[in-house]
Amino acid sequence: MKRVLITIITLMSMNSFANFMPSQEAVLVKEINQFINMMPPLPPTGPRVLTSLNVDVKSSGCTRDEDFQIRVGQLPHAQVLTVVRIKPDYCEAIEHTVTVELRTENLVNFRQKPAQVSNPLLGNVQIVH
């Protein structure tokens, strides 16, 4: 009986996750940093640019950095970052705000092409250095 109950619970949780669609998350951008690796040997495409984005998101108790990803779109004069939740938070704690750190290597240097975040709570943030 115990094994059957565990199997049913596992199947229910797998079904809940299977029905989850990645969604654009409402965020508050706290900090964006870019790190350019100029250490030799440089790849043929040029130095690697790592972008780190710290954002506040809503959590019900189980939100982690790995639950999100940054999707990058290109406009003629800007890069557009969209924070997307890829794993649901099914915990039942009181909803609160947590800070997550997201990283991507899919952006060019902000000095070459500025970036904006498409989904913060307080409007678009323009990054120009």
Protein backbone atom coordinates (compact mmCIF):
# COMPACT_ATOMS: atom_id res chain seq x y z
CA MET A 1 0.00 0.00 0.00
CA LYS A 2 2.84 2.36 0.89
CA ARG A 3 4.58 1.71 -2.45
CA VAL A 4 1.33 2.41 -4.37
CA LEU A 5 0.82 5.70 -2.51
CA ILE A 6 4.40 6.84 -3.25
CA THR A 7 3.94 5.94 -6.93
CA ILE A 8 0.69 7.92 -7.13
CA ILE A 9 2.27 10.97 -5.47
CA THR A 10 5.27 10.77 -7.81
CA LEU A 11 3.05 10.54 -10.88
CA MET A 12 0.94 13.48 -9.68
CA SER A 13 4.00 15.68 -9.13
CA MET A 14 5.44 14.69 -12.54
CA ASN A 15 2.12 15.55 -14.18
CA SER A 16 2.05 18.96 -12.45
CA PHE A 17 5.53 19.74 -13.73
CA ALA A 18 4.68 18.46 -17.21
CA ASN A 19 1.77 20.93 -17.39
CA PHE A 20 3.97 23.87 -16.37
CA MET A 21 4.77 26.23 -19.21
CA PRO A 22 7.83 28.51 -18.92
CA SER A 23 6.61 32.01 -18.24
CA GLN A 24 7.93 35.52 -18.31
CA GLU A 25 8.50 36.38 -14.67
CA ALA A 26 7.78 39.77 -13.10
CA VAL A 27 11.13 40.92 -11.72
CA LEU A 28 12.87 43.85 -10.12
CA VAL A 29 16.38 44.30 -11.50
CA LYS A 30 18.87 44.96 -8.72
CA GLU A 31 22.20 44.69 -10.50
CA ILE A 32 23.73 43.82 -13.86
CA ASN A 33 27.44 43.16 -14.27
CA GLN A 34 29.55 42.15 -17.22
CA PHE A 35 32.87 40.38 -16.95
CA ILE A 36 35.13 40.15 -19.98
CA ASN A 37 37.70 37.37 -19.94
CA MET A 38 40.81 38.79 -21.63
CA MET A 39 43.16 36.05 -20.41
CA PRO A 40 45.07 34.24 -23.15
CA PRO A 41 44.46 32.16 -25.07
CA LEU A 42 41.53 34.11 -26.52
CA PRO A 43 39.04 32.14 -28.61
CA PRO A 44 38.92 32.98 -32.35
CA THR A 45 35.57 34.73 -31.81
CA GLY A 46 37.12 37.18 -29.32
CA PRO A 47 36.98 37.43 -25.54
CA ARG A 48 34.12 35.76 -23.65
CA VAL A 49 31.60 38.11 -22.06
CA LEU A 50 29.82 36.79 -18.96
CA THR A 51 26.76 38.75 -17.84
CA SER A 52 25.44 38.39 -14.30
CA LEU A 53 21.94 39.63 -13.51
CA ASN A 54 20.61 39.90 -9.92
CA VAL A 55 16.84 40.18 -9.80
CA ASP A 56 14.13 40.00 -7.16
CA VAL A 57 11.35 37.51 -7.88
CA LYS A 58 8.37 36.20 -5.97
CA SER A 59 8.76 32.89 -4.18
CA SER A 60 6.52 30.52 -2.25
CA GLY A 61 9.53 29.00 -0.50
CA CYS A 62 11.28 26.81 -3.08
CA THR A 63 12.63 29.26 -5.66
CA ARG A 64 16.27 28.77 -6.70
CA ASP A 65 18.59 30.37 -9.25
CA GLU A 66 18.27 27.28 -11.46
CA ASP A 67 14.51 27.85 -11.80
CA PHE A 68 15.12 30.73 -14.22
CA GLN A 69 16.93 31.45 -17.44
CA ILE A 70 17.73 34.57 -19.42
CA ARG A 71 16.48 34.64 -22.98
CA VAL A 72 18.22 37.11 -25.26
CA GLY A 73 16.65 38.82 -28.24
CA GLN A 74 18.26 41.28 -30.63
CA LEU A 75 16.89 44.59 -31.84
CA PRO A 76 18.78 46.77 -34.32
CA HIS A 77 20.20 49.01 -31.57
CA ALA A 78 19.76 46.99 -28.35
CA GLN A 79 19.82 43.55 -26.77
CA VAL A 80 16.63 42.49 -25.00
CA LEU A 81 16.88 40.28 -21.90
CA THR A 82 13.82 38.37 -20.71
CA VAL A 83 13.81 36.51 -17.38
CA VAL A 84 11.80 33.30 -17.74
CA ARG A 85 10.78 30.89 -14.97
CA ILE A 86 11.43 27.37 -16.26
CA LYS A 87 10.60 25.43 -13.07
CA PRO A 88 7.55 26.09 -10.91
CA ASP A 89 7.61 26.87 -7.19
CA TYR A 90 4.96 24.60 -5.68
CA CYS A 91 5.83 25.27 -2.04
CA GLU A 92 3.10 26.71 0.11
CA ALA A 93 4.95 29.25 2.25
CA ILE A 94 3.74 32.83 2.41
CA GLU A 95 4.73 34.50 -0.86
CA HIS A 96 7.81 36.67 -0.44
CA THR A 97 10.59 38.20 -2.54
CA VAL A 98 13.96 36.54 -3.03
CA THR A 99 17.02 37.56 -5.03
CA VAL A 100 18.28 35.19 -7.69
CA GLU A 101 21.50 35.47 -9.69
CA LEU A 102 21.31 34.54 -13.36
CA ARG A 103 24.22 34.26 -15.79
CA THR A 104 24.52 34.18 -19.54
CA GLU A 105 27.24 34.32 -22.18
CA ASN A 106 24.79 35.23 -24.97
CA LEU A 107 25.27 39.00 -24.79
CA VAL A 108 27.79 41.26 -26.44
CA ASN A 109 29.64 43.95 -24.54
CA PHE A 110 27.22 46.69 -23.39
CA ARG A 111 29.61 49.29 -24.80
CA GLN A 112 29.05 47.84 -28.27
CA LYS A 113 25.30 47.33 -27.94
CA PRO A 114 23.21 48.44 -24.92
CA ALA A 115 20.76 46.07 -23.26
CA GLN A 116 17.33 46.36 -21.74
CA VAL A 117 15.31 43.99 -19.58
CA SER A 118 11.83 43.44 -20.97
CA ASN A 119 10.05 42.34 -17.81
CA PRO A 120 10.93 44.27 -14.64
CA LEU A 121 8.12 45.46 -12.35
CA LEU A 122 9.27 49.05 -12.42
CA GLY A 123 9.60 49.52 -16.19
CA ASN A 124 12.37 48.80 -18.63
CA VAL A 125 15.91 49.34 -17.44
CA GLN A 126 18.36 50.75 -19.96
CA ILE A 127 22.00 49.83 -19.41
CA VAL A 128 24.54 52.13 -21.00
CA HIS A 129 28.23 52.30 -20.06
